[in-house]
Amino acid sequence: MAEDPLIHQRFVEGTNKYGDMVGEARRAHENTQHARNLEGRSFNWKAAILLLILIAGAAGLLFLLSQLAGPADYLP
């Protein structure tokens, strides 16, 4: 029984499409993993910014408290 060239061509086209779909699925999975990694990093940036704001607020509070104490008397 001879192989029909049209059937062979459609088989090759189908396997190529399947290979393309597998490649696209793999790339989509890698992109999803990369996006999840970036989400984790963005939380760290938010925490770092909040920590800097907290430190600046504490420094400002200490400065205001030192101003309430008044000038130091250096002369005896």
PDB file of N, CA and C in Angstrom:
ATOM      1  N   MET A   1       0.847  -1.173   0.000  1.00  0.00           N
ATOM      2  CA  MET A   1       0.000   0.000   0.000  1.00  0.00           C
ATOM      3  C   MET A   1       0.898   1.243   0.000  1.00  0.00           C
ATOM      4  N   ALA A   2       0.720   2.082  -0.961  1.00  0.00           N
ATOM      5  CA  ALA A   2       1.553   3.278  -1.093  1.00  0.00           C
ATOM      6  C   ALA A   2       1.036   4.383  -0.178  1.00  0.00           C
ATOM      7  N   GLU A   3       1.988   5.172   0.309  1.00  0.00           N
ATOM      8  CA  GLU A   3       1.616   6.269   1.207  1.00  0.00           C
ATOM      9  C   GLU A   3       1.150   7.464   0.383  1.00  0.00           C
ATOM     10  N   ASP A   4       0.065   8.044   0.789  1.00  0.00           N
ATOM     11  CA  ASP A   4      -0.481   9.202   0.089  1.00  0.00           C
ATOM     12  C   ASP A   4       0.322  10.439   0.498  1.00  0.00           C
ATOM     13  N   PRO A   5       0.876  11.188  -0.462  1.00  0.00           N
ATOM     14  CA  PRO A   5       1.679  12.368  -0.104  1.00  0.00           C
ATOM     15  C   PRO A   5       0.874  13.438   0.634  1.00  0.00           C
ATOM     16  N   LEU A   6      -0.411  13.552   0.339  1.00  0.00           N
ATOM     17  CA  LEU A   6      -1.241  14.547   1.018  1.00  0.00           C
ATOM     18  C   LEU A   6      -1.405  14.192   2.493  1.00  0.00           C
ATOM     19  N   ILE A   7      -1.591  12.903   2.777  1.00  0.00           N
ATOM     20  CA  ILE A   7      -1.704  12.470   4.178  1.00  0.00           C
ATOM     21  C   ILE A   7      -0.390  12.732   4.908  1.00  0.00           C
ATOM     22  N   HIS A   8       0.722  12.430   4.247  1.00  0.00           N
ATOM     23  CA  HIS A   8       2.027  12.673   4.868  1.00  0.00           C
ATOM     24  C   HIS A   8       2.229  14.168   5.133  1.00  0.00           C
ATOM     25  N   GLN A   9       1.852  15.001   4.172  1.00  0.00           N
ATOM     26  CA  GLN A   9       2.003  16.451   4.341  1.00  0.00           C
ATOM     27  C   GLN A   9       1.159  16.952   5.515  1.00  0.00           C
ATOM     28  N   ARG A  10      -0.069  16.476   5.621  1.00  0.00           N
ATOM     29  CA  ARG A  10      -0.933  16.904   6.727  1.00  0.00           C
ATOM     30  C   ARG A  10      -0.400  16.403   8.066  1.00  0.00           C
ATOM     31  N   PHE A  11       0.184  15.197   8.077  1.00  0.00           N
ATOM     32  CA  PHE A  11       0.772  14.678   9.307  1.00  0.00           C
ATOM     33  C   PHE A  11       1.943  15.555   9.747  1.00  0.00           C
ATOM     34  N   VAL A  12       2.790  15.926   8.799  1.00  0.00           N
ATOM     35  CA  VAL A  12       3.943  16.773   9.123  1.00  0.00           C
ATOM     36  C   VAL A  12       3.476  18.140   9.609  1.00  0.00           C
ATOM     37  N   GLU A  13       2.483  18.713   8.937  1.00  0.00           N
ATOM     38  CA  GLU A  13       1.954  20.012   9.372  1.00  0.00           C
ATOM     39  C   GLU A  13       1.358  19.915  10.769  1.00  0.00           C
ATOM     40  N   GLY A  14       0.658  18.814  11.042  1.00  0.00           N
ATOM     41  CA  GLY A  14       0.061  18.639  12.368  1.00  0.00           C
ATOM     42  C   GLY A  14       1.109  18.506  13.453  1.00  0.00           C
ATOM     43  N   THR A  15       2.183  17.743  13.171  1.00  0.00           N
ATOM     44  CA  THR A  15       3.228  17.600  14.191  1.00  0.00           C
ATOM     45  C   THR A  15       3.974  18.908  14.384  1.00  0.00           C
ATOM     46  N   ASN A  16       4.143  19.688  13.317  1.00  0.00           N
ATOM     47  CA  ASN A  16       4.785  20.994  13.467  1.00  0.00           C
ATOM     48  C   ASN A  16       3.931  21.920  14.326  1.00  0.00           C
ATOM     49  N   LYS A  17       2.620  21.898  14.097  1.00  0.00           N
ATOM     50  CA  LYS A  17       1.726  22.727  14.910  1.00  0.00           C
ATOM     51  C   LYS A  17       1.761  22.285  16.360  1.00  0.00           C
ATOM     52  N   TYR A  18       1.807  20.961  16.588  1.00  0.00           N
ATOM     53  CA  TYR A  18       1.877  20.452  17.965  1.00  0.00           C
ATOM     54  C   TYR A  18       3.171  20.910  18.627  1.00  0.00           C
ATOM     55  N   GLY A  19       4.275  20.838  17.890  1.00  0.00           N
ATOM     56  CA  GLY A  19       5.553  21.304  18.431  1.00  0.00           C
ATOM     57  C   GLY A  19       5.517  22.785  18.756  1.00  0.00           C
ATOM     58  N   ASP A  20       4.878  23.568  17.899  1.00  0.00           N
ATOM     59  CA  ASP A  20       4.750  24.999  18.158  1.00  0.00           C
ATOM     60  C   ASP A  20       3.914  25.254  19.409  1.00  0.00           C
ATOM     61  N   MET A  21       2.841  24.486  19.573  1.00  0.00           N
ATOM     62  CA  MET A  21       1.987  24.671  20.753  1.00  0.00           C
ATOM     63  C   MET A  21       2.737  24.310  22.029  1.00  0.00           C
ATOM     64  N   VAL A  22       3.543  23.242  21.965  1.00  0.00           N
ATOM     65  CA  VAL A  22       4.325  22.854  23.145  1.00  0.00           C
ATOM     66  C   VAL A  22       5.336  23.947  23.480  1.00  0.00           C
ATOM     67  N   GLY A  23       5.967  24.502  22.455  1.00  0.00           N
ATOM     68  CA  GLY A  23       6.925  25.584  22.683  1.00  0.00           C
ATOM     69  C   GLY A  23       6.261  26.816  23.273  1.00  0.00           C
ATOM     70  N   GLU A  24       5.090  27.158  22.760  1.00  0.00           N
ATOM     71  CA  GLU A  24       4.364  28.312  23.297  1.00  0.00           C
ATOM     72  C   GLU A  24       3.940  28.073  24.737  1.00  0.00           C
ATOM     73  N   ALA A  25       3.501  26.856  25.040  1.00  0.00           N
ATOM     74  CA  ALA A  25       3.103  26.543  26.416  1.00  0.00           C
ATOM     75  C   ALA A  25       4.304  26.631  27.350  1.00  0.00           C
ATOM     76  N   ARG A  26       5.453  26.166  26.885  1.00  0.00           N
ATOM     77  CA  ARG A  26       6.666  26.230  27.705  1.00  0.00           C
ATOM     78  C   ARG A  26       7.061  27.686  27.967  1.00  0.00           C
ATOM     79  N   ARG A  27       7.003  28.508  26.922  1.00  0.00           N
ATOM     80  CA  ARG A  27       7.345  29.927  27.099  1.00  0.00           C
ATOM     81  C   ARG A  27       6.347  30.631  28.018  1.00  0.00           C
ATOM     82  N   ALA A  28       5.076  30.290  27.894  1.00  0.00           N
ATOM     83  CA  ALA A  28       4.066  30.894  28.774  1.00  0.00           C
ATOM     84  C   ALA A  28       4.318  30.495  30.221  1.00  0.00           C
ATOM     85  N   HIS A  29       4.708  29.236  30.433  1.00  0.00           N
ATOM     86  CA  HIS A  29       5.002  28.784  31.797  1.00  0.00           C
ATOM     87  C   HIS A  29       6.216  29.527  32.358  1.00  0.00           C
ATOM     88  N   GLU A  30       7.257  29.706  31.547  1.00  0.00           N
ATOM     89  CA  GLU A  30       8.440  30.444  31.995  1.00  0.00           C
ATOM     90  C   GLU A  30       8.084  31.895  32.306  1.00  0.00           C
ATOM     91  N   ASN A  31       7.237  32.507  31.482  1.00  0.00           N
ATOM     92  CA  ASN A  31       6.818  33.892  31.734  1.00  0.00           C
ATOM     93  C   ASN A  31       6.028  33.993  33.032  1.00  0.00           C
ATOM     94  N   THR A  32       5.195  32.990  33.308  1.00  0.00           N
ATOM     95  CA  THR A  32       4.421  32.986  34.551  1.00  0.00           C
ATOM     96  C   THR A  32       5.341  32.880  35.756  1.00  0.00           C
ATOM     97  N   GLN A  33       6.334  32.003  35.670  1.00  0.00           N
ATOM     98  CA  GLN A  33       7.283  31.854  36.776  1.00  0.00           C
ATOM     99  C   GLN A  33       8.054  33.155  36.989  1.00  0.00           C
ATOM    100  N   HIS A  34       8.456  33.800  35.885  1.00  0.00           N
ATOM    101  CA  HIS A  34       9.190  35.058  35.998  1.00  0.00           C
ATOM    102  C   HIS A  34       8.315  36.138  36.636  1.00  0.00           C
ATOM    103  N   ALA A  35       7.039  36.185  36.262  1.00  0.00           N
ATOM    104  CA  ALA A  35       6.122  37.173  36.843  1.00  0.00           C
ATOM    105  C   ALA A  35       5.934  36.920  38.334  1.00  0.00           C
ATOM    106  N   ARG A  36       5.859  35.653  38.736  1.00  0.00           N
ATOM    107  CA  ARG A  36       5.723  35.350  40.163  1.00  0.00           C
ATOM    108  C   ARG A  36       6.963  35.777  40.934  1.00  0.00           C
ATOM    109  N   ASN A  37       8.139  35.602  40.336  1.00  0.00           N
ATOM    110  CA  ASN A  37       9.366  36.042  40.996  1.00  0.00           C
ATOM    111  C   ASN A  37       9.380  37.559  41.149  1.00  0.00           C
ATOM    112  N   LEU A  38       8.903  38.267  40.140  1.00  0.00           N
ATOM    113  CA  LEU A  38       8.866  39.726  40.227  1.00  0.00           C
ATOM    114  C   LEU A  38       7.878  40.199  41.284  1.00  0.00           C
ATOM    115  N   GLU A  39       6.767  39.478  41.456  1.00  0.00           N
ATOM    116  CA  GLU A  39       5.805  39.856  42.490  1.00  0.00           C
ATOM    117  C   GLU A  39       6.452  39.763  43.862  1.00  0.00           C
ATOM    118  N   GLY A  40       7.225  38.728  44.100  1.00  0.00           N
ATOM    119  CA  GLY A  40       7.910  38.583  45.381  1.00  0.00           C
ATOM    120  C   GLY A  40       8.891  39.709  45.618  1.00  0.00           C
ATOM    121  N   ARG A  41       9.593  40.111  44.562  1.00  0.00           N
ATOM    122  CA  ARG A  41      10.560  41.199  44.705  1.00  0.00           C
ATOM    123  C   ARG A  41       9.867  42.525  44.956  1.00  0.00           C
ATOM    124  N   SER A  42       8.728  42.752  44.336  1.00  0.00           N
ATOM    125  CA  SER A  42       8.043  44.029  44.522  1.00  0.00           C
ATOM    126  C   SER A  42       7.599  44.192  45.971  1.00  0.00           C
ATOM    127  N   PHE A  43       7.242  43.097  46.646  1.00  0.00           N
ATOM    128  CA  PHE A  43       6.879  43.182  48.060  1.00  0.00           C
ATOM    129  C   PHE A  43       8.084  43.622  48.883  1.00  0.00           C
ATOM    130  N   ASN A  44       9.263  43.127  48.544  1.00  0.00           N
ATOM    131  CA  ASN A  44      10.463  43.516  49.274  1.00  0.00           C
ATOM    132  C   ASN A  44      10.755  45.002  49.081  1.00  0.00           C
ATOM    133  N   TRP A  45      10.517  45.516  47.871  1.00  0.00           N
ATOM    134  CA  TRP A  45      10.734  46.939  47.648  1.00  0.00           C
ATOM    135  C   TRP A  45       9.756  47.771  48.468  1.00  0.00           C
ATOM    136  N   LYS A  46       8.516  47.333  48.550  1.00  0.00           N
ATOM    137  CA  LYS A  46       7.534  48.066  49.349  1.00  0.00           C
ATOM    138  C   LYS A  46       7.934  48.061  50.813  1.00  0.00           C
ATOM    139  N   ALA A  47       8.395  46.927  51.307  1.00  0.00           N
ATOM    140  CA  ALA A  47       8.809  46.840  52.704  1.00  0.00           C
ATOM    141  C   ALA A  47      10.014  47.735  52.959  1.00  0.00           C
ATOM    142  N   ALA A  48      10.949  47.791  52.022  1.00  0.00           N
ATOM    143  CA  ALA A  48      12.130  48.635  52.194  1.00  0.00           C
ATOM    144  C   ALA A  48      11.744  50.113  52.216  1.00  0.00           C
ATOM    145  N   ILE A  49      10.834  50.511  51.345  1.00  0.00           N
ATOM    146  CA  ILE A  49      10.399  51.911  51.318  1.00  0.00           C
ATOM    147  C   ILE A  49       9.664  52.266  52.607  1.00  0.00           C
ATOM    148  N   LEU A  50       8.801  51.375  53.078  1.00  0.00           N
ATOM    149  CA  LEU A  50       8.099  51.634  54.338  1.00  0.00           C
ATOM    150  C   LEU A  50       9.073  51.723  55.506  1.00  0.00           C
ATOM    151  N   LEU A  51      10.110  50.894  55.491  1.00  0.00           N
ATOM    152  CA  LEU A  51      11.110  50.947  56.555  1.00  0.00           C
ATOM    153  C   LEU A  51      11.866  52.277  56.523  1.00  0.00           C
ATOM    154  N   LEU A  52      12.205  52.763  55.334  1.00  0.00           N
ATOM    155  CA  LEU A  52      12.879  54.060  55.235  1.00  0.00           C
ATOM    156  C   LEU A  52      11.985  55.193  55.735  1.00  0.00           C
ATOM    157  N   ILE A  53      10.706  55.136  55.420  1.00  0.00           N
ATOM    158  CA  ILE A  53       9.774  56.159  55.906  1.00  0.00           C
ATOM    159  C   ILE A  53       9.683  56.109  57.426  1.00  0.00           C
ATOM    160  N   LEU A  54       9.654  54.906  57.976  1.00  0.00           N
ATOM    161  CA  LEU A  54       9.596  54.751  59.429  1.00  0.00           C
ATOM    162  C   LEU A  54      10.853  55.308  60.098  1.00  0.00           C
ATOM    163  N   ILE A  55      12.011  55.040  59.529  1.00  0.00           N
ATOM    164  CA  ILE A  55      13.266  55.555  60.095  1.00  0.00           C
ATOM    165  C   ILE A  55      13.304  57.077  60.004  1.00  0.00           C
ATOM    166  N   ALA A  56      12.864  57.631  58.872  1.00  0.00           N
ATOM    167  CA  ALA A  56      12.845  59.090  58.723  1.00  0.00           C
ATOM    168  C   ALA A  56      11.877  59.720  59.722  1.00  0.00           C
ATOM    169  N   GLY A  57      10.745  59.087  59.951  1.00  0.00           N
ATOM    170  CA  GLY A  57       9.790  59.602  60.934  1.00  0.00           C
ATOM    171  C   GLY A  57      10.355  59.567  62.341  1.00  0.00           C
ATOM    172  N   ALA A  58      11.067  58.495  62.682  1.00  0.00           N
ATOM    173  CA  ALA A  58      11.679  58.406  64.011  1.00  0.00           C
ATOM    174  C   ALA A  58      12.760  59.466  64.177  1.00  0.00           C
ATOM    175  N   ALA A  59      13.551  59.703  63.134  1.00  0.00           N
ATOM    176  CA  ALA A  59      14.588  60.735  63.213  1.00  0.00           C
ATOM    177  C   ALA A  59      13.955  62.118  63.367  1.00  0.00           C
ATOM    178  N   GLY A  60      12.878  62.368  62.649  1.00  0.00           N
ATOM    179  CA  GLY A  60      12.188  63.650  62.787  1.00  0.00           C
ATOM    180  C   GLY A  60      11.605  63.832  64.173  1.00  0.00           C
ATOM    181  N   LEU A  61      11.058  62.772  64.739  1.00  0.00           N
ATOM    182  CA  LEU A  61      10.511  62.844  66.093  1.00  0.00           C
ATOM    183  C   LEU A  61      11.607  63.128  67.117  1.00  0.00           C
ATOM    184  N   LEU A  62      12.750  62.474  66.964  1.00  0.00           N
ATOM    185  CA  LEU A  62      13.870  62.747  67.874  1.00  0.00           C
ATOM    186  C   LEU A  62      14.351  64.189  67.735  1.00  0.00           C
ATOM    187  N   PHE A  63      14.372  64.708  66.518  1.00  0.00           N
ATOM    188  CA  PHE A  63      14.776  66.095  66.317  1.00  0.00           C
ATOM    189  C   PHE A  63      13.803  67.049  67.012  1.00  0.00           C
ATOM    190  N   LEU A  64      12.506  66.797  66.870  1.00  0.00           N
ATOM    191  CA  LEU A  64      11.521  67.666  67.518  1.00  0.00           C
ATOM    192  C   LEU A  64      11.628  67.596  69.036  1.00  0.00           C
ATOM    193  N   LEU A  65      11.858  66.409  69.566  1.00  0.00           N
ATOM    194  CA  LEU A  65      12.022  66.283  71.018  1.00  0.00           C
ATOM    195  C   LEU A  65      13.273  67.003  71.500  1.00  0.00           C
ATOM    196  N   SER A  66      14.333  66.979  70.710  1.00  0.00           N
ATOM    197  CA  SER A  66      15.547  67.690  71.113  1.00  0.00           C
ATOM    198  C   SER A  66      15.323  69.201  71.077  1.00  0.00           C
ATOM    199  N   GLN A  67      14.467  69.684  70.184  1.00  0.00           N
ATOM    200  CA  GLN A  67      14.169  71.113  70.144  1.00  0.00           C
ATOM    201  C   GLN A  67      13.327  71.535  71.342  1.00  0.00           C
ATOM    202  N   LEU A  68      12.496  70.640  71.855  1.00  0.00           N
ATOM    203  CA  LEU A  68      11.696  70.950  73.036  1.00  0.00           C
ATOM    204  C   LEU A  68      12.555  71.066  74.289  1.00  0.00           C
ATOM    205  N   ALA A  69      13.682  70.376  74.300  1.00  0.00           N
ATOM    206  CA  ALA A  69      14.547  70.401  75.479  1.00  0.00           C
ATOM    207  C   ALA A  69      15.205  71.766  75.650  1.00  0.00           C
ATOM    208  N   GLY A  70      15.303  72.526  74.589  1.00  0.00           N
ATOM    209  CA  GLY A  70      15.897  73.849  74.686  1.00  0.00           C
ATOM    210  C   GLY A  70      17.395  73.793  74.460  1.00  0.00           C
ATOM    211  N   PRO A  71      18.006  74.974  74.391  1.00  0.00           N
ATOM    212  CA  PRO A  71      19.448  75.003  74.138  1.00  0.00           C
ATOM    213  C   PRO A  71      20.226  74.512  75.360  1.00  0.00           C
ATOM    214  N   ALA A  72      21.343  73.877  75.069  1.00  0.00           N
ATOM    215  CA  ALA A  72      22.195  73.392  76.162  1.00  0.00           C
ATOM    216  C   ALA A  72      22.995  74.565  76.717  1.00  0.00           C
ATOM    217  N   ASP A  73      23.181  74.588  78.024  1.00  0.00           N
ATOM    218  CA  ASP A  73      23.981  75.636  78.669  1.00  0.00           C
ATOM    219  C   ASP A  73      25.414  75.139  78.785  1.00  0.00           C
ATOM    220  N   TYR A  74      26.281  75.719  77.961  1.00  0.00           N
ATOM    221  CA  TYR A  74      27.677  75.301  77.993  1.00  0.00           C
ATOM    222  C   TYR A  74      28.479  76.133  78.980  1.00  0.00           C
ATOM    223  N   LEU A  75      27.977  77.304  79.308  1.00  0.00           N
ATOM    224  CA  LEU A  75      28.730  78.157  80.233  1.00  0.00           C
ATOM    225  C   LEU A  75      28.430  77.745  81.670  1.00  0.00           C
ATOM    226  N   PRO A  76      29.429  77.746  82.501  1.00  0.00           N
ATOM    227  CA  PRO A  76      29.195  77.386  83.914  1.00  0.00           C
ATOM    228  C   PRO A  76      28.429  78.447  84.676  1.00  0.00           C
TER     229      PRO A  76
END
